N, C-alpha and C. Protein backbone atom coordinates (compact mmCIF):
# COMPACT_ATOMS: atom_id res chain seq x y z
N MET A 1 0.84 -1.19 -0.01
CA MET A 1 0.01 -0.01 0.00
C MET A 1 0.85 1.25 -0.03
N LYS A 2 0.65 2.12 -0.96
CA LYS A 2 1.39 3.35 -1.05
C LYS A 2 0.87 4.41 -0.04
N ARG A 3 1.75 5.02 0.64
CA ARG A 3 1.32 6.03 1.59
C ARG A 3 1.65 7.45 1.07
N ALA A 4 0.93 8.42 1.58
CA ALA A 4 1.27 9.81 1.14
C ALA A 4 2.66 10.21 1.70
N ILE A 5 3.32 11.04 1.06
CA ILE A 5 4.66 11.54 1.48
C ILE A 5 4.53 12.22 2.85
N GLU A 6 3.36 12.81 3.11
CA GLU A 6 3.24 13.52 4.48
C GLU A 6 3.22 12.44 5.54
N TYR A 7 2.60 11.34 5.28
CA TYR A 7 2.56 10.26 6.24
C TYR A 7 3.98 9.77 6.55
N ASN A 8 4.72 9.52 5.45
CA ASN A 8 6.09 9.04 5.64
C ASN A 8 7.04 10.07 6.36
N LYS A 9 6.76 11.23 6.11
CA LYS A 9 7.63 12.40 6.82
C LYS A 9 7.13 12.66 8.25
N LEU A 10 5.84 12.39 8.48
CA LEU A 10 5.25 12.62 9.83
C LEU A 10 5.50 11.41 10.79
N PHE A 11 5.58 10.28 10.28
CA PHE A 11 5.76 9.08 11.10
C PHE A 11 7.02 9.11 12.10
N PRO A 12 8.10 9.61 11.61
CA PRO A 12 9.29 9.69 12.55
C PRO A 12 9.07 10.66 13.69
N PHE A 13 8.28 11.62 13.49
CA PHE A 13 7.95 12.58 14.63
C PHE A 13 7.09 11.87 15.67
N VAL A 14 6.22 10.92 15.24
CA VAL A 14 5.47 10.17 16.19
C VAL A 14 6.33 9.25 16.98
N VAL A 15 7.22 8.56 16.31
CA VAL A 15 8.17 7.66 16.98
C VAL A 15 9.02 8.44 17.99
N THR A 16 9.54 9.60 17.51
CA THR A 16 10.36 10.47 18.38
C THR A 16 9.56 10.84 19.66
N ALA A 17 8.34 11.31 19.47
CA ALA A 17 7.46 11.69 20.59
C ALA A 17 7.22 10.60 21.57
N TYR A 18 7.03 9.42 21.02
CA TYR A 18 6.76 8.18 21.72
C TYR A 18 8.03 7.89 22.62
N VAL A 19 9.16 7.91 21.97
CA VAL A 19 10.43 7.54 22.73
C VAL A 19 10.90 8.65 23.69
N TRP A 20 10.78 9.79 23.26
CA TRP A 20 11.38 10.92 24.16
C TRP A 20 10.32 11.72 24.93
N GLY A 21 9.06 11.51 24.62
CA GLY A 21 7.99 12.19 25.36
C GLY A 21 8.10 12.19 26.85
N PRO A 22 8.47 11.09 27.50
CA PRO A 22 8.63 11.15 28.97
C PRO A 22 9.72 12.05 29.46
N PHE A 23 10.70 12.37 28.64
CA PHE A 23 11.82 13.26 29.00
C PHE A 23 11.46 14.71 28.71
N TRP A 24 10.41 14.99 28.03
CA TRP A 24 10.03 16.24 27.53
C TRP A 24 9.01 16.91 28.49
N SER A 25 8.71 16.41 29.66
CA SER A 25 7.74 16.88 30.56
C SER A 25 8.01 18.39 30.88
N SER A 26 6.99 19.19 30.70
CA SER A 26 6.97 20.68 30.97
C SER A 26 8.02 21.35 30.01
N LYS A 27 8.24 20.84 28.84
CA LYS A 27 9.11 21.49 27.81
C LYS A 27 8.41 21.81 26.57
N ARG A 28 8.97 22.73 25.75
CA ARG A 28 8.44 23.02 24.49
C ARG A 28 9.36 22.34 23.48
N VAL A 29 8.78 21.61 22.52
CA VAL A 29 9.52 20.90 21.51
C VAL A 29 9.19 21.43 20.20
N ASN A 30 10.28 21.73 19.37
CA ASN A 30 10.09 22.29 18.15
C ASN A 30 10.57 21.25 17.04
N PHE A 31 9.59 20.73 16.31
CA PHE A 31 9.90 19.70 15.27
C PHE A 31 10.28 20.52 13.98
N LEU A 32 11.44 20.07 13.39
CA LEU A 32 11.90 20.64 12.11
C LEU A 32 11.61 19.70 11.01
N SER A 33 11.14 20.26 9.93
CA SER A 33 10.80 19.41 8.73
C SER A 33 11.16 20.12 7.50
N ASP A 34 11.61 19.43 6.49
CA ASP A 34 11.92 20.07 5.12
C ASP A 34 10.65 19.99 4.26
N ASN A 35 9.54 19.50 4.80
CA ASN A 35 8.29 19.41 4.00
C ASN A 35 7.28 20.41 4.63
N SER A 36 6.93 21.38 3.77
CA SER A 36 6.05 22.41 4.17
C SER A 36 4.64 21.85 4.58
N SER A 37 4.24 20.83 3.96
CA SER A 37 2.98 20.30 4.32
C SER A 37 2.97 19.66 5.79
N VAL A 38 4.10 19.03 6.05
CA VAL A 38 4.22 18.40 7.43
C VAL A 38 4.30 19.60 8.48
N VAL A 39 5.00 20.65 8.17
CA VAL A 39 4.99 21.78 9.07
C VAL A 39 3.60 22.31 9.34
N GLU A 40 2.81 22.49 8.22
CA GLU A 40 1.51 22.93 8.38
C GLU A 40 0.60 21.91 9.25
N ILE A 41 0.82 20.75 8.95
CA ILE A 41 0.01 19.68 9.69
C ILE A 41 0.34 19.76 11.18
N LEU A 42 1.59 19.79 11.52
CA LEU A 42 1.94 19.91 12.96
C LEU A 42 1.56 21.23 13.60
N ARG A 43 1.56 22.31 12.89
CA ARG A 43 1.17 23.60 13.36
C ARG A 43 -0.33 23.68 13.62
N SER A 44 -1.16 23.23 12.59
CA SER A 44 -2.53 23.40 12.67
C SER A 44 -3.18 22.24 13.46
N GLY A 45 -2.62 21.05 13.50
CA GLY A 45 -3.16 19.95 14.14
C GLY A 45 -4.33 19.23 13.37
N THR A 46 -4.41 19.51 12.03
CA THR A 46 -5.51 18.96 11.23
C THR A 46 -4.98 18.70 9.84
N TRP A 47 -5.62 17.86 9.20
CA TRP A 47 -5.38 17.44 7.78
C TRP A 47 -6.54 16.68 7.24
N ARG A 48 -6.69 16.57 5.95
CA ARG A 48 -7.85 16.03 5.33
C ARG A 48 -7.81 14.51 5.28
N ALA A 49 -6.63 13.88 5.39
CA ALA A 49 -6.56 12.40 5.18
C ALA A 49 -6.62 11.74 6.57
N PRO A 50 -7.49 10.78 6.72
CA PRO A 50 -7.65 10.07 7.97
C PRO A 50 -6.48 9.35 8.55
N THR A 51 -5.64 8.84 7.60
CA THR A 51 -4.36 8.16 8.11
C THR A 51 -3.42 9.13 8.71
N ILE A 52 -3.36 10.33 8.08
CA ILE A 52 -2.44 11.35 8.69
C ILE A 52 -3.01 11.88 9.96
N MET A 53 -4.33 12.01 10.02
CA MET A 53 -4.94 12.46 11.24
C MET A 53 -4.67 11.55 12.45
N SER A 54 -4.63 10.23 12.10
CA SER A 54 -4.32 9.29 13.25
C SER A 54 -2.96 9.54 13.85
N LEU A 55 -2.03 9.93 12.98
CA LEU A 55 -0.67 10.29 13.54
C LEU A 55 -0.67 11.59 14.31
N VAL A 56 -1.43 12.57 13.82
CA VAL A 56 -1.58 13.85 14.53
C VAL A 56 -2.25 13.66 15.88
N CYS A 57 -3.22 12.82 15.89
CA CYS A 57 -3.95 12.54 17.18
C CYS A 57 -3.02 11.81 18.14
N TYR A 58 -2.18 10.97 17.65
CA TYR A 58 -1.27 10.26 18.56
C TYR A 58 -0.26 11.18 19.12
N ILE A 59 0.27 12.18 18.33
CA ILE A 59 1.16 13.13 18.80
C ILE A 59 0.57 14.01 19.90
N CYS A 60 -0.69 14.38 19.64
CA CYS A 60 -1.45 15.15 20.62
C CYS A 60 -1.67 14.37 21.92
N LEU A 61 -1.93 13.14 21.75
CA LEU A 61 -2.19 12.28 22.90
C LEU A 61 -0.87 12.18 23.73
N LEU A 62 0.28 11.98 23.07
CA LEU A 62 1.53 11.88 23.75
C LEU A 62 1.90 13.14 24.40
N ALA A 63 1.60 14.25 23.73
CA ALA A 63 1.89 15.59 24.34
C ALA A 63 1.02 15.84 25.62
N ALA A 64 -0.25 15.40 25.59
CA ALA A 64 -1.05 15.52 26.75
C ALA A 64 -0.54 14.60 27.87
N ARG A 65 -0.28 13.34 27.54
CA ARG A 65 0.21 12.35 28.54
C ARG A 65 1.50 12.77 29.17
N HIS A 66 2.41 13.36 28.39
CA HIS A 66 3.71 13.74 29.00
C HIS A 66 3.83 15.12 29.28
N SER A 67 2.88 15.97 29.09
CA SER A 67 2.84 17.34 29.45
C SER A 67 3.91 18.20 28.75
N PHE A 68 3.97 18.03 27.38
CA PHE A 68 4.93 18.89 26.65
C PHE A 68 4.11 19.62 25.53
N CYS A 69 4.63 20.71 25.07
CA CYS A 69 4.08 21.46 24.04
C CYS A 69 4.94 21.24 22.78
N SER A 70 4.31 21.21 21.61
CA SER A 70 5.07 20.99 20.39
C SER A 70 4.64 22.08 19.38
N ASN A 71 5.68 22.36 18.48
CA ASN A 71 5.51 23.35 17.43
C ASN A 71 6.35 22.76 16.28
N ALA A 72 6.17 23.37 15.09
CA ALA A 72 6.90 22.93 13.93
C ALA A 72 7.44 24.14 13.21
N SER A 73 8.63 23.97 12.67
CA SER A 73 9.30 24.99 11.86
C SER A 73 9.85 24.34 10.56
N PRO A 74 9.93 25.12 9.52
CA PRO A 74 10.57 24.63 8.34
C PRO A 74 12.06 24.52 8.49
N PHE A 75 12.64 23.57 7.70
CA PHE A 75 14.09 23.27 7.83
C PHE A 75 14.51 23.21 6.30
N SER A 76 15.52 23.98 5.96
CA SER A 76 15.94 24.08 4.62
C SER A 76 16.54 22.71 4.15
N ARG A 77 16.25 22.34 2.98
CA ARG A 77 16.86 21.05 2.42
C ARG A 77 18.39 21.30 2.17
N LYS A 78 18.76 22.49 1.93
CA LYS A 78 20.18 22.75 1.70
C LYS A 78 21.02 22.54 2.96
N CYS A 79 20.35 22.66 4.14
CA CYS A 79 21.04 22.44 5.39
C CYS A 79 20.97 20.97 5.87
N ASN A 80 20.45 20.10 5.03
CA ASN A 80 20.24 18.73 5.36
C ASN A 80 20.81 17.75 4.25
N PRO A 81 22.16 17.66 4.23
CA PRO A 81 22.78 16.92 3.10
C PRO A 81 22.46 15.40 3.19
N ILE A 82 22.10 14.82 4.26
CA ILE A 82 21.81 13.44 4.39
C ILE A 82 20.52 13.10 3.70
N ALA A 83 19.49 13.98 3.85
CA ALA A 83 18.20 13.72 3.20
C ALA A 83 18.32 13.90 1.71
N ASN A 84 19.24 14.65 1.28
CA ASN A 84 19.39 14.95 -0.20
C ASN A 84 20.28 13.85 -0.95
N SER A 85 20.85 12.97 -0.21
CA SER A 85 21.68 11.98 -0.90
C SER A 85 20.97 10.75 -1.29
């Protein structure tokens, strides 16, 4: 099954929040992404695809469970040589 690029780019943030969420208690976390759609998804907390919304809901659940706030910022592809190789 082929997934949307937004799903593939958003999934690592879910895993990161799952693993590191307990250590982020009372902290502000800024997720960086080179995909403008993913930045918009994380900032707004909504998207039209149900599969992507399931990931967004899970990040929100983890944020509530571990008491951290999250935000998203764009990250230039020029500054990310590993992703470009």
